[in-house]
């Protein structure tokens, strides 16, 4: 569902940003890099979730 995707996306973004700060430290110049890393982590987590959870079959009506 959309709510699950949003929750997983937010968690992935927080995790990606946190990992970046842990491994590379924190300074004023890291804001843009942290944002990009968070977006990439969010996308990876959503992609992994789509592989794990079964999707709904397409409802193609050929009537």
Protein backbone atom coordinates (compact mmCIF):
# COMPACT_ATOMS: atom_id res chain seq x y z
CA UNK A 1 0.00 0.00 0.00
CA UNK A 2 1.00 3.63 -0.31
CA UNK A 3 1.25 4.10 3.45
CA UNK A 4 3.71 1.21 3.75
CA UNK A 5 5.79 2.61 0.89
CA UNK A 6 5.94 6.03 2.54
CA UNK A 7 6.91 4.54 5.92
CA UNK A 8 9.61 2.35 4.38
CA UNK A 9 10.88 5.29 2.33
CA UNK A 10 11.17 7.53 5.37
CA UNK A 11 12.94 4.79 7.32
CA UNK A 12 15.34 4.20 4.44
CA UNK A 13 16.10 7.91 4.16
CA UNK A 14 16.75 8.20 7.90
CA UNK A 15 18.94 5.10 7.88
CA UNK A 16 20.94 6.31 4.88
CA UNK A 17 21.49 9.76 6.38
CA UNK A 18 22.47 8.29 9.72
CA UNK A 19 24.94 5.85 8.17
CA UNK A 20 26.55 8.67 6.20
CA UNK A 21 27.10 10.71 9.37
CA UNK A 22 28.45 7.67 11.22
CA UNK A 23 30.98 6.77 8.52
CA UNK A 24 31.98 10.20 7.19
CA UNK A 25 31.27 12.58 10.04
CA UNK A 26 29.20 15.74 10.02
CA UNK A 27 30.06 19.20 8.75
CA UNK A 28 28.35 22.05 6.92
CA UNK A 29 29.34 20.82 3.46
CA UNK A 30 27.72 17.40 3.87
CA UNK A 31 24.08 18.54 3.59
CA UNK A 32 23.65 17.94 -0.15
CA UNK A 33 25.61 14.69 -0.05
CA UNK A 34 23.53 13.52 2.92
CA UNK A 35 20.33 14.31 1.04
CA UNK A 36 21.48 12.35 -2.00
CA UNK A 37 22.58 9.42 0.15
CA UNK A 38 19.23 9.42 1.93
CA UNK A 39 17.35 9.37 -1.37
CA UNK A 40 19.48 6.50 -2.69
CA UNK A 41 19.03 4.50 0.53
CA UNK A 42 15.29 5.12 0.35
CA UNK A 43 15.15 3.86 -3.25
CA UNK A 44 17.23 0.77 -2.44
CA UNK A 45 15.05 -0.12 0.55
CA UNK A 46 11.85 0.31 -1.47
CA UNK A 47 13.29 -1.79 -4.29
CA UNK A 48 14.28 -4.54 -1.83
CA UNK A 49 10.81 -4.44 -0.30
CA UNK A 50 9.21 -4.81 -3.73
CA UNK A 51 11.30 -7.95 -4.30
CA UNK A 52 10.36 -9.45 -0.94
CA UNK A 53 6.63 -8.70 -0.83
CA UNK A 54 4.44 -10.18 -3.52
CA UNK A 55 2.87 -7.61 -5.76
CA UNK A 56 -0.72 -7.46 -6.88
CA UNK A 57 -1.31 -9.08 -10.25
CA UNK A 58 -2.18 -6.70 -13.04
CA UNK A 59 -5.91 -6.46 -13.58
CA UNK A 60 -5.94 -6.34 -17.35
CA UNK A 61 -9.44 -6.86 -18.63
CA UNK A 62 -9.52 -7.97 -22.22
CA UNK A 63 -13.33 -7.93 -22.40
